[in-house]
Amino acid sequence: METYAVERHPPQSPSPAHADKIMQRFQKDVFPWLGKTPVASIKPMDVLTCCQRIADRGAADTAYRAKQNIGQAMRYAVATGRAERDPTADLRGVLKKPKSKHFAAITSVAEVGALLRAIDGFKGTLVVQSALCLAPLVFVRPGELRGAQWAEIDFERAEWRIPAERMKRRREHIVPLSRQAAAILRDLQPLTGERQHVFAGRDPKKPMSDAAVNAALRRMGYDTKTEITGHGFRAMARTILHEELGVDRDVIEHQLAHRVPDALGEAYNRTKFLKERRVMMQRWADYLDTLKAGAEVVALPSRVT
């Protein structure tokens, strides 16, 4: 069998979920046209024709990512002696990266209160409702939330430690748990505590579906394209924490696990601002409770820095 155009194990292995997504992209859009071509024989026009076919069906972002993935595989092939050059280098600028679309998010204080009340009234499984209730309190990425494991939860320290392999940037992340967040988890523990995943799915060995939270939001009457998505809870927290509660942006960005270079060039430190982040997370949970109760909220002058 010829050496295929795509290697399954690049030098820096992505997370299992991301690796599966890449492999699905190859199986659907790349292998049928390039998979049987010897890797050393692939030319720029072969790659362009393959990616243009994807773009022509209206999937410009997938086409751009496919070109990126093919390039990664080709550079690995060069590094391991399977090919002499990466043909995607000649296509720089040909398939441009589409403008990123922001995830729908609610950042109006009044609308956040209404959303929280709707979540409280959600009629669904305890697993999905618990995920919905926890999402605004911890504002992690949807994949990090649904993949939460009981072994990561430390009730004594009131924190959730997400291991590096489940994080987008491959670094362990600490999520301080407010009293409200811990209470949600404790309430769910009798149901799923014997399983690996906090938000267990129908298959005992797997977490709930990655579409569960967005599907629940739609059932509640929210448009996940224009109003709110599971990812939108991050923008909600980021905006309101800074604009309404006056929390320092660096503290917020570290809790979001974003890259925030400091004066020494350090991009991310899992324990940086941890004391401030603990205070912020409890203050945020208390603030959300006030919004949910429908009370008039006046931002306090004190700042978490």
C-alpha atoms as a PDB file:
ATOM      1  CA  MET A   1       0.000   0.000   0.000  1.00  0.00           C
ATOM      2  CA  GLU A   2       1.286   3.456  -0.916  1.00  0.00           C
ATOM      3  CA  THR A   3       2.227   5.998   1.746  1.00  0.00           C
ATOM      4  CA  TYR A   4      -0.943   8.021   2.114  1.00  0.00           C
ATOM      5  CA  ALA A   5      -1.079  11.789   1.962  1.00  0.00           C
ATOM      6  CA  VAL A   6      -2.129  12.130   5.596  1.00  0.00           C
ATOM      7  CA  GLU A   7      -0.311  10.858   8.659  1.00  0.00           C
ATOM      8  CA  ARG A   8      -2.441  10.052  11.676  1.00  0.00           C
ATOM      9  CA  HIS A   9       0.181  11.018  14.272  1.00  0.00           C
ATOM     10  CA  PRO A  10       1.596  14.556  13.869  1.00  0.00           C
ATOM     11  CA  PRO A  11       4.472  15.669  16.104  1.00  0.00           C
ATOM     12  CA  GLN A  12       2.147  17.461  18.534  1.00  0.00           C
ATOM     13  CA  SER A  13      -0.871  15.258  19.031  1.00  0.00           C
ATOM     14  CA  PRO A  14      -4.153  17.170  19.393  1.00  0.00           C
ATOM     15  CA  SER A  15      -6.773  16.265  21.959  1.00  0.00           C
ATOM     16  CA  PRO A  16      -8.731  13.061  21.173  1.00  0.00           C
ATOM     17  CA  ALA A  17     -11.857  15.041  20.296  1.00  0.00           C
ATOM     18  CA  HIS A  18      -9.922  17.408  18.022  1.00  0.00           C
ATOM     19  CA  ALA A  19      -8.065  14.505  16.424  1.00  0.00           C
ATOM     20  CA  ASP A  20     -11.376  12.789  15.655  1.00  0.00           C
ATOM     21  CA  LYS A  21     -12.689  15.998  14.083  1.00  0.00           C
ATOM     22  CA  ILE A  22      -9.620  16.268  11.860  1.00  0.00           C
ATOM     23  CA  MET A  23      -9.836  12.607  10.861  1.00  0.00           C
ATOM     24  CA  GLN A  24     -13.529  12.994   9.986  1.00  0.00           C
ATOM     25  CA  ARG A  25     -12.610  15.971   7.818  1.00  0.00           C
ATOM     26  CA  PHE A  26      -9.978  13.884   6.016  1.00  0.00           C
ATOM     27  CA  GLN A  27     -12.279  10.903   5.559  1.00  0.00           C
ATOM     28  CA  LYS A  28     -15.079  13.028   4.146  1.00  0.00           C
ATOM     29  CA  ASP A  29     -13.256  15.673   2.112  1.00  0.00           C
ATOM     30  CA  VAL A  30      -9.635  14.634   1.526  1.00  0.00           C
ATOM     31  CA  PHE A  31      -9.118  10.871   1.379  1.00  0.00           C
ATOM     32  CA  PRO A  32     -11.600  10.259  -1.488  1.00  0.00           C
ATOM     33  CA  TRP A  33      -9.486  12.492  -3.758  1.00  0.00           C
ATOM     34  CA  LEU A  34      -5.950  12.480  -2.318  1.00  0.00           C
ATOM     35  CA  GLY A  35      -5.861   9.427  -0.089  1.00  0.00           C
ATOM     36  CA  LYS A  36      -4.462   7.038  -2.680  1.00  0.00           C
ATOM     37  CA  THR A  37      -1.895   9.450  -4.089  1.00  0.00           C
ATOM     38  CA  PRO A  38       1.699   8.802  -3.001  1.00  0.00           C
ATOM     39  CA  VAL A  39       2.518  11.558  -0.549  1.00  0.00           C
ATOM     40  CA  ALA A  40       5.651  12.577  -2.475  1.00  0.00           C
ATOM     41  CA  SER A  41       3.596  13.050  -5.650  1.00  0.00           C
ATOM     42  CA  ILE A  42       1.018  15.524  -4.351  1.00  0.00           C
ATOM     43  CA  LYS A  43       1.203  18.861  -6.150  1.00  0.00           C
ATOM     44  CA  PRO A  44      -0.196  22.290  -5.210  1.00  0.00           C
ATOM     45  CA  MET A  45      -3.011  22.020  -7.779  1.00  0.00           C
ATOM     46  CA  ASP A  46      -4.040  18.653  -6.310  1.00  0.00           C
ATOM     47  CA  VAL A  47      -4.512  20.275  -2.927  1.00  0.00           C
ATOM     48  CA  LEU A  48      -6.204  23.359  -4.376  1.00  0.00           C
ATOM     49  CA  THR A  49      -8.662  21.276  -6.406  1.00  0.00           C
ATOM     50  CA  CYS A  50      -9.509  19.215  -3.340  1.00  0.00           C
ATOM     51  CA  CYS A  51     -10.048  22.261  -1.120  1.00  0.00           C
ATOM     52  CA  GLN A  52     -11.883  24.242  -3.795  1.00  0.00           C
ATOM     53  CA  ARG A  53     -14.400  21.408  -4.054  1.00  0.00           C
ATOM     54  CA  ILE A  54     -15.142  21.918  -0.339  1.00  0.00           C
ATOM     55  CA  ALA A  55     -15.395  25.700  -0.696  1.00  0.00           C
ATOM     56  CA  ASP A  56     -17.741  25.386  -3.677  1.00  0.00           C
ATOM     57  CA  ARG A  57     -20.381  23.767  -1.497  1.00  0.00           C
ATOM     58  CA  GLY A  58     -20.336  26.801   0.800  1.00  0.00           C
ATOM     59  CA  ALA A  59     -17.976  25.407   3.461  1.00  0.00           C
ATOM     60  CA  ALA A  60     -15.204  28.001   3.214  1.00  0.00           C
ATOM     61  CA  ASP A  61     -14.042  27.499   6.796  1.00  0.00           C
ATOM     62  CA  THR A  62     -13.787  23.721   6.311  1.00  0.00           C
ATOM     63  CA  ALA A  63     -11.827  24.272   3.088  1.00  0.00           C
ATOM     64  CA  TYR A  64      -9.363  26.552   4.873  1.00  0.00           C
ATOM     65  CA  ARG A  65      -8.937  24.108   7.748  1.00  0.00           C
ATOM     66  CA  ALA A  66      -8.511  21.182   5.335  1.00  0.00           C
ATOM     67  CA  LYS A  67      -5.661  23.023   3.618  1.00  0.00           C
ATOM     68  CA  GLN A  68      -4.100  23.656   7.036  1.00  0.00           C
ATOM     69  CA  ASN A  69      -4.393  20.002   8.018  1.00  0.00           C
ATOM     70  CA  ILE A  70      -2.982  18.791   4.716  1.00  0.00           C
ATOM     71  CA  GLY A  71      -0.071  21.184   5.183  1.00  0.00           C
ATOM     72  CA  GLN A  72       0.586  19.815   8.674  1.00  0.00           C
ATOM     73  CA  ALA A  73       0.610  16.277   7.310  1.00  0.00           C
ATOM     74  CA  MET A  74       2.884  17.245   4.429  1.00  0.00           C
ATOM     75  CA  ARG A  75       5.384  18.983   6.707  1.00  0.00           C
ATOM     76  CA  TYR A  76       5.460  15.854   8.844  1.00  0.00           C
ATOM     77  CA  ALA A  77       6.069  13.832   5.681  1.00  0.00           C
ATOM     78  CA  VAL A  78       9.022  16.108   4.819  1.00  0.00           C
ATOM     79  CA  ALA A  79      10.428  15.797   8.349  1.00  0.00           C
ATOM     80  CA  THR A  80      10.262  11.997   8.184  1.00  0.00           C
ATOM     81  CA  GLY A  81      11.705  11.636   4.685  1.00  0.00           C
ATOM     82  CA  ARG A  82       8.462  10.698   2.942  1.00  0.00           C
ATOM     83  CA  ALA A  83       8.278  13.841   0.778  1.00  0.00           C
ATOM     84  CA  GLU A  84      10.626  16.611  -0.348  1.00  0.00           C
ATOM     85  CA  ARG A  85       8.378  19.630   0.164  1.00  0.00           C
ATOM     86  CA  ASP A  86       5.016  20.903   1.375  1.00  0.00           C
ATOM     87  CA  PRO A  87       2.891  21.813  -1.691  1.00  0.00           C
ATOM     88  CA  THR A  88       0.503  23.940   0.405  1.00  0.00           C
ATOM     89  CA  ALA A  89       3.277  26.543   0.765  1.00  0.00           C
ATOM     90  CA  ASP A  90       2.524  27.579  -2.839  1.00  0.00           C
ATOM     91  CA  LEU A  91      -1.118  28.180  -1.935  1.00  0.00           C
ATOM     92  CA  ARG A  92      -0.495  30.820   0.705  1.00  0.00           C
ATOM     93  CA  GLY A  93      -3.199  33.467   0.318  1.00  0.00           C
ATOM     94  CA  VAL A  94      -5.193  31.455  -2.238  1.00  0.00           C
ATOM     95  CA  LEU A  95      -7.721  30.105   0.266  1.00  0.00           C
ATOM     96  CA  LYS A  96      -8.137  32.870   2.790  1.00  0.00           C
ATOM     97  CA  LYS A  97      -9.302  32.299   6.330  1.00  0.00           C
ATOM     98  CA  PRO A  98     -12.964  33.316   6.628  1.00  0.00           C
ATOM     99  CA  LYS A  99     -13.741  36.073   9.103  1.00  0.00           C
ATOM    100  CA  SER A 100     -14.440  34.527  12.478  1.00  0.00           C
ATOM    101  CA  LYS A 101     -18.020  34.558  13.652  1.00  0.00           C
ATOM    102  CA  HIS A 102     -18.733  35.417  17.252  1.00  0.00           C
ATOM    103  CA  PHE A 103     -20.803  32.953  19.217  1.00  0.00           C
ATOM    104  CA  ALA A 104     -24.235  34.277  20.072  1.00  0.00           C
ATOM    105  CA  ALA A 105     -24.271  35.611  23.627  1.00  0.00           C
ATOM    106  CA  ILE A 106     -26.556  37.553  25.936  1.00  0.00           C
ATOM    107  CA  THR A 107     -24.784  40.435  27.688  1.00  0.00           C
ATOM    108  CA  SER A 108     -27.746  42.567  28.751  1.00  0.00           C
ATOM    109  CA  VAL A 109     -28.188  42.369  32.529  1.00  0.00           C
ATOM    110  CA  ALA A 110     -31.995  42.222  32.261  1.00  0.00           C
ATOM    111  CA  GLU A 111     -31.875  39.495  29.607  1.00  0.00           C
ATOM    112  CA  VAL A 112     -29.383  37.464  31.638  1.00  0.00           C
ATOM    113  CA  GLY A 113     -31.819  37.416  34.559  1.00  0.00           C
ATOM    114  CA  ALA A 114     -34.589  36.164  32.288  1.00  0.00           C
ATOM    115  CA  LEU A 115     -32.309  33.469  30.869  1.00  0.00           C
ATOM    116  CA  LEU A 116     -31.349  32.242  34.336  1.00  0.00           C
ATOM    117  CA  ARG A 117     -35.006  32.008  35.342  1.00  0.00           C
ATOM    118  CA  ALA A 118     -35.739  30.076  32.152  1.00  0.00           C
ATOM    119  CA  ILE A 119     -32.916  27.649  32.963  1.00  0.00           C
ATOM    120  CA  ASP A 120     -34.347  27.101  36.443  1.00  0.00           C
ATOM    121  CA  GLY A 121     -37.679  26.246  34.863  1.00  0.00           C
ATOM    122  CA  PHE A 122     -36.235  23.898  32.234  1.00  0.00           C
ATOM    123  CA  LYS A 123     -38.136  20.621  32.047  1.00  0.00           C
ATOM    124  CA  GLY A 124     -35.601  18.030  31.077  1.00  0.00           C
ATOM    125  CA  THR A 125     -33.234  15.508  32.564  1.00  0.00           C
ATOM    126  CA  LEU A 126     -31.339  16.420  35.724  1.00  0.00           C
ATOM    127  CA  VAL A 127     -28.063  15.898  33.878  1.00  0.00           C
ATOM    128  CA  VAL A 128     -28.840  18.471  31.182  1.00  0.00           C
ATOM    129  CA  GLN A 129     -30.436  20.924  33.597  1.00  0.00           C
ATOM    130  CA  SER A 130     -27.395  20.684  35.868  1.00  0.00           C
ATOM    131  CA  ALA A 131     -25.101  21.402  32.929  1.00  0.00           C
ATOM    132  CA  LEU A 132     -27.264  24.382  31.995  1.00  0.00           C
ATOM    133  CA  CYS A 133     -27.188  25.715  35.546  1.00  0.00           C
ATOM    134  CA  LEU A 134     -23.431  25.244  35.872  1.00  0.00           C
ATOM    135  CA  ALA A 135     -22.493  26.720  32.487  1.00  0.00           C
ATOM    136  CA  PRO A 136     -22.937  30.422  33.375  1.00  0.00           C
ATOM    137  CA  LEU A 137     -21.247  29.925  36.757  1.00  0.00           C
ATOM    138  CA  VAL A 138     -18.011  28.421  35.418  1.00  0.00           C
ATOM    139  CA  PHE A 139     -18.041  29.744  31.814  1.00  0.00           C
ATOM    140  CA  VAL A 140     -15.693  27.078  30.448  1.00  0.00           C
ATOM    141  CA  ARG A 141     -15.818  25.902  26.840  1.00  0.00           C
ATOM    142  CA  PRO A 142     -18.743  23.560  26.023  1.00  0.00           C
ATOM    143  CA  GLY A 143     -16.443  20.588  25.391  1.00  0.00           C
ATOM    144  CA  GLU A 144     -14.706  21.129  28.717  1.00  0.00           C
ATOM    145  CA  LEU A 145     -18.056  21.274  30.496  1.00  0.00           C
ATOM    146  CA  ARG A 146     -19.642  18.183  28.946  1.00  0.00           C
ATOM    147  CA  GLY A 147     -16.433  16.194  29.420  1.00  0.00           C
ATOM    148  CA  ALA A 148     -16.132  16.995  33.142  1.00  0.00           C
ATOM    149  CA  GLN A 149     -15.131  13.976  35.237  1.00  0.00           C
ATOM    150  CA  TRP A 150     -15.754  13.380  38.911  1.00  0.00           C
ATOM    151  CA  ALA A 151     -12.049  12.701  39.451  1.00  0.00           C
ATOM    152  CA  GLU A 152     -11.384  16.336  38.486  1.00  0.00           C
ATOM    153  CA  ILE A 153     -13.703  17.764  41.160  1.00  0.00           C
ATOM    154  CA  ASP A 154     -12.261  18.560  44.579  1.00  0.00           C
ATOM    155  CA  PHE A 155     -15.048  19.591  46.938  1.00  0.00           C
ATOM    156  CA  GLU A 156     -12.685  20.183  49.860  1.00  0.00           C
ATOM    157  CA  ARG A 157     -10.622  22.699  47.914  1.00  0.00           C
ATOM    158  CA  ALA A 158     -13.724  23.955  46.097  1.00  0.00           C
ATOM    159  CA  GLU A 159     -12.103  23.682  42.694  1.00  0.00           C
ATOM    160  CA  TRP A 160     -12.312  21.831  39.429  1.00  0.00           C
ATOM    161  CA  ARG A 161      -9.000  20.982  37.800  1.00  0.00           C
ATOM    162  CA  ILE A 162      -9.338  20.314  34.083  1.00  0.00           C
ATOM    163  CA  PRO A 163      -6.328  18.277  32.864  1.00  0.00           C
ATOM    164  CA  ALA A 164      -4.173  19.570  30.047  1.00  0.00           C
ATOM    165  CA  GLU A 165      -5.325  16.935  27.559  1.00  0.00           C
ATOM    166  CA  ARG A 166      -8.891  18.251  27.740  1.00  0.00           C
ATOM    167  CA  MET A 167      -7.962  21.913  27.358  1.00  0.00           C
ATOM    168  CA  LYS A 168      -7.777  23.748  24.053  1.00  0.00           C
ATOM    169  CA  ARG A 169      -4.283  25.050  24.789  1.00  0.00           C
ATOM    170  CA  ARG A 170      -3.070  21.816  26.394  1.00  0.00           C
ATOM    171  CA  ARG A 171      -2.462  23.306  29.860  1.00  0.00           C
ATOM    172  CA  GLU A 172      -4.125  22.273  33.095  1.00  0.00           C
ATOM    173  CA  HIS A 173      -6.787  24.780  34.126  1.00  0.00           C
ATOM    174  CA  ILE A 174      -8.194  25.523  37.576  1.00  0.00           C
ATOM    175  CA  VAL A 175     -11.834  26.545  37.965  1.00  0.00           C
ATOM    176  CA  PRO A 176     -12.638  27.787  41.485  1.00  0.00           C
ATOM    177  CA  LEU A 177     -16.090  26.544  42.488  1.00  0.00           C
ATOM    178  CA  SER A 178     -18.493  28.993  44.069  1.00  0.00           C
ATOM    179  CA  ARG A 179     -20.888  27.711  46.725  1.00  0.00           C
ATOM    180  CA  GLN A 180     -23.617  27.665  44.093  1.00  0.00           C
ATOM    181  CA  ALA A 181     -21.530  25.672  41.604  1.00  0.00           C
ATOM    182  CA  ALA A 182     -20.517  23.135  44.258  1.00  0.00           C
ATOM    183  CA  ALA A 183     -24.161  22.738  45.299  1.00  0.00           C
ATOM    184  CA  ILE A 184     -25.186  21.885  41.724  1.00  0.00           C
ATOM    185  CA  LEU A 185     -22.481  19.225  41.535  1.00  0.00           C
ATOM    186  CA  ARG A 186     -23.344  17.751  44.920  1.00  0.00           C
ATOM    187  CA  ASP A 187     -27.000  17.533  43.898  1.00  0.00           C
ATOM    188  CA  LEU A 188     -26.049  15.628  40.739  1.00  0.00           C
ATOM    189  CA  GLN A 189     -23.505  13.337  42.398  1.00  0.00           C
ATOM    190  CA  PRO A 190     -26.003  10.716  43.669  1.00  0.00           C
ATOM    191  CA  LEU A 191     -27.176  10.210  40.072  1.00  0.00           C
ATOM    192  CA  THR A 192     -23.880  10.082  38.145  1.00  0.00           C
ATOM    193  CA  GLY A 193     -21.231   9.917  40.877  1.00  0.00           C
ATOM    194  CA  GLU A 194     -20.514   6.245  40.194  1.00  0.00           C
ATOM    195  CA  ARG A 195     -19.736   7.013  36.571  1.00  0.00           C
ATOM    196  CA  GLN A 196     -16.653   8.618  35.098  1.00  0.00           C
ATOM    197  CA  HIS A 197     -18.390  11.665  33.676  1.00  0.00           C
ATOM    198  CA  VAL A 198     -20.255  14.270  35.691  1.00  0.00           C
ATOM    199  CA  PHE A 199     -22.740  14.795  32.868  1.00  0.00           C
ATOM    200  CA  ALA A 200     -23.094  11.155  31.905  1.00  0.00           C
ATOM    201  CA  GLY A 201     -24.814  10.244  28.662  1.00  0.00           C
ATOM    202  CA  ARG A 202     -26.978   7.288  27.755  1.00  0.00           C
ATOM    203  CA  ASP A 203     -23.839   5.269  27.182  1.00  0.00           C
ATOM    204  CA  PRO A 204     -22.373   4.798  30.705  1.00  0.00           C
ATOM    205  CA  LYS A 205     -18.863   5.250  29.340  1.00  0.00           C
ATOM    206  CA  LYS A 206     -19.534   8.528  27.531  1.00  0.00           C
ATOM    207  CA  PRO A 207     -20.626  12.052  28.503  1.00  0.00           C
ATOM    208  CA  MET A 208     -23.843  13.650  27.303  1.00  0.00           C
ATOM    209  CA  SER A 209     -24.103  14.717  23.662  1.00  0.00           C
ATOM    210  CA  ASP A 210     -22.184  17.800  22.554  1.00  0.00           C
ATOM    211  CA  ALA A 211     -25.497  19.142  21.247  1.00  0.00           C
ATOM    212  CA  ALA A 212     -27.388  18.699  24.529  1.00  0.00           C
ATOM    213  CA  VAL A 213     -26.952  22.215  25.944  1.00  0.00           C
ATOM    214  CA  ASN A 214     -27.768  24.007  22.694  1.00  0.00           C
ATOM    215  CA  ALA A 215     -30.763  21.724  22.142  1.00  0.00           C
ATOM    216  CA  ALA A 216     -32.003  22.588  25.641  1.00  0.00           C
ATOM    217  CA  LEU A 217     -31.606  26.306  24.949  1.00  0.00           C
ATOM    218  CA  ARG A 218     -33.678  25.915  21.787  1.00  0.00           C
ATOM    219  CA  ARG A 219     -36.366  24.040  23.726  1.00  0.00           C
ATOM    220  CA  MET A 220     -36.481  27.015  26.071  1.00  0.00           C
ATOM    221  CA  GLY A 221     -37.189  29.261  23.088  1.00  0.00           C
ATOM    222  CA  TYR A 222     -33.740  30.732  22.481  1.00  0.00           C
ATOM    223  CA  ASP A 223     -32.231  31.007  19.002  1.00  0.00           C
ATOM    224  CA  THR A 224     -28.737  29.501  19.234  1.00  0.00           C
ATOM    225  CA  LYS A 225     -27.664  31.341  16.073  1.00  0.00           C
ATOM    226  CA  THR A 226     -28.600  34.847  17.160  1.00  0.00           C
ATOM    227  CA  GLU A 227     -29.247  34.848  20.924  1.00  0.00           C
ATOM    228  CA  ILE A 228     -27.250  32.396  23.045  1.00  0.00           C
ATOM    229  CA  THR A 229     -25.194  29.220  22.668  1.00  0.00           C
ATOM    230  CA  GLY A 230     -23.379  27.071  25.181  1.00  0.00           C
ATOM    231  CA  HIS A 231     -20.198  28.911  24.202  1.00  0.00           C
ATOM    232  CA  GLY A 232     -21.933  32.263  24.669  1.00  0.00           C
ATOM    233  CA  PHE A 233     -21.796  31.988  28.459  1.00  0.00           C
ATOM    234  CA  ARG A 234     -18.094  32.854  28.169  1.00  0.00           C
ATOM    235  CA  ALA A 235     -18.758  36.160  26.415  1.00  0.00           C
ATOM    236  CA  MET A 236     -21.568  36.852  28.879  1.00  0.00           C
ATOM    237  CA  ALA A 237     -19.214  36.506  31.849  1.00  0.00           C
ATOM    238  CA  ARG A 238     -16.332  38.297  30.149  1.00  0.00           C
ATOM    239  CA  THR A 239     -18.455  41.336  29.305  1.00  0.00           C
ATOM    240  CA  ILE A 240     -20.485  41.705  32.483  1.00  0.00           C
ATOM    241  CA  LEU A 241     -17.653  40.936  34.898  1.00  0.00           C
ATOM    242  CA  HIS A 242     -15.635  43.796  33.447  1.00  0.00           C
ATOM    243  CA  GLU A 243     -18.314  46.319  32.532  1.00  0.00           C
ATOM    244  CA  GLU A 244     -20.715  45.840  35.451  1.00  0.00           C
ATOM    245  CA  LEU A 245     -18.537  44.488  38.266  1.00  0.00           C
ATOM    246  CA  GLY A 246     -15.291  46.204  37.339  1.00  0.00           C
ATOM    247  CA  VAL A 247     -13.143  43.083  37.467  1.00  0.00           C
ATOM    248  CA  ASP A 248      -9.664  43.487  36.007  1.00  0.00           C
ATOM    249  CA  ARG A 249      -9.423  42.075  32.488  1.00  0.00           C
ATOM    250  CA  ASP A 250      -6.291  40.039  33.229  1.00  0.00           C
ATOM    251  CA  VAL A 251      -8.087  38.195  36.025  1.00  0.00           C
ATOM    252  CA  ILE A 252     -11.018  37.439  33.717  1.00  0.00           C
ATOM    253  CA  GLU A 253      -8.799  36.341  30.816  1.00  0.00           C
ATOM    254  CA  HIS A 254      -6.847  33.956  33.029  1.00  0.00           C
ATOM    255  CA  GLN A 255     -10.084  32.389  34.228  1.00  0.00           C
ATOM    256  CA  LEU A 256     -11.133  32.012  30.598  1.00  0.00           C
ATOM    257  CA  ALA A 257      -7.799  30.212  29.997  1.00  0.00           C
ATOM    258  CA  HIS A 258      -6.865  32.699  27.299  1.00  0.00           C
ATOM    259  CA  ARG A 259      -3.320  33.545  26.344  1.00  0.00           C
ATOM    260  CA  VAL A 260      -2.414  36.741  28.202  1.00  0.00           C
ATOM    261  CA  PRO A 261       1.320  37.486  27.828  1.00  0.00           C
ATOM    262  CA  ASP A 262       2.740  39.363  30.795  1.00  0.00           C
ATOM    263  CA  ALA A 263       5.782  41.614  31.018  1.00  0.00           C
ATOM    264  CA  LEU A 264       8.042  38.564  30.990  1.00  0.00           C
ATOM    265  CA  GLY A 265       6.257  36.978  28.023  1.00  0.00           C
ATOM    266  CA  GLU A 266       4.530  34.320  30.099  1.00  0.00           C
ATOM    267  CA  ALA A 267       1.406  33.317  28.191  1.00  0.00           C
ATOM    268  CA  TYR A 268      -0.553  31.452  30.851  1.00  0.00           C
ATOM    269  CA  ASN A 269      -0.101  30.306  34.414  1.00  0.00           C
ATOM    270  CA  ARG A 270      -2.782  28.087  35.885  1.00  0.00           C
ATOM    271  CA  THR A 271      -2.328  29.549  39.378  1.00  0.00           C
ATOM    272  CA  LYS A 272      -1.855  33.196  38.447  1.00  0.00           C
ATOM    273  CA  PHE A 273      -4.451  35.467  40.050  1.00  0.00           C
ATOM    274  CA  LEU A 274      -5.929  32.353  41.663  1.00  0.00           C
ATOM    275  CA  LYS A 275      -6.819  34.176  44.890  1.00  0.00           C
ATOM    276  CA  GLU A 276      -8.479  36.964  42.891  1.00  0.00           C
ATOM    277  CA  ARG A 277     -10.197  34.426  40.673  1.00  0.00           C
ATOM    278  CA  ARG A 278     -11.713  32.662  43.685  1.00  0.00           C
ATOM    279  CA  VAL A 279     -13.140  35.959  44.910  1.00  0.00           C
ATOM    280  CA  MET A 280     -14.373  36.796  41.426  1.00  0.00           C
ATOM    281  CA  MET A 281     -16.131  33.454  40.897  1.00  0.00           C
ATOM    282  CA  GLN A 282     -18.050  33.732  44.179  1.00  0.00           C
ATOM    283  CA  ARG A 283     -18.940  37.328  43.502  1.00  0.00           C
ATOM    284  CA  TRP A 284     -20.103  36.358  40.020  1.00  0.00           C
ATOM    285  CA  ALA A 285     -22.321  33.566  41.360  1.00  0.00           C
ATOM    286  CA  ASP A 286     -23.863  35.896  43.936  1.00  0.00           C
ATOM    287  CA  TYR A 287     -24.430  38.514  41.255  1.00  0.00           C
ATOM    288  CA  LEU A 288     -26.177  35.986  38.997  1.00  0.00           C
ATOM    289  CA  ASP A 289     -28.433  35.004  41.897  1.00  0.00           C
ATOM    290  CA  THR A 290     -29.423  38.648  42.264  1.00  0.00           C
ATOM    291  CA  LEU A 291     -30.149  38.935  38.538  1.00  0.00           C
ATOM    292  CA  LYS A 292     -32.188  35.745  38.618  1.00  0.00           C
ATOM    293  CA  ALA A 293     -34.264  37.106  41.498  1.00  0.00           C
ATOM    294  CA  GLY A 294     -35.120  40.076  39.317  1.00  0.00           C
ATOM    295  CA  ALA A 295     -33.728  42.688  41.691  1.00  0.00           C
ATOM    296  CA  GLU A 296     -32.348  45.990  40.481  1.00  0.00           C
ATOM    297  CA  VAL A 297     -28.589  45.640  40.492  1.00  0.00           C
ATOM    298  CA  VAL A 298     -26.143  48.487  41.035  1.00  0.00           C
ATOM    299  CA  ALA A 299     -22.522  47.744  40.232  1.00  0.00           C
ATOM    300  CA  LEU A 300     -20.247  48.040  43.241  1.00  0.00           C
ATOM    301  CA  PRO A 301     -17.319  50.451  43.045  1.00  0.00           C
ATOM    302  CA  SER A 302     -14.805  47.948  44.406  1.00  0.00           C
ATOM    303  CA  ARG A 303     -12.642  46.133  41.859  1.00  0.00           C
ATOM    304  CA  VAL A 304     -11.104  42.692  41.806  1.00  0.00           C
ATOM    305  CA  THR A 305      -7.538  43.241  40.606  1.00  0.00           C
END
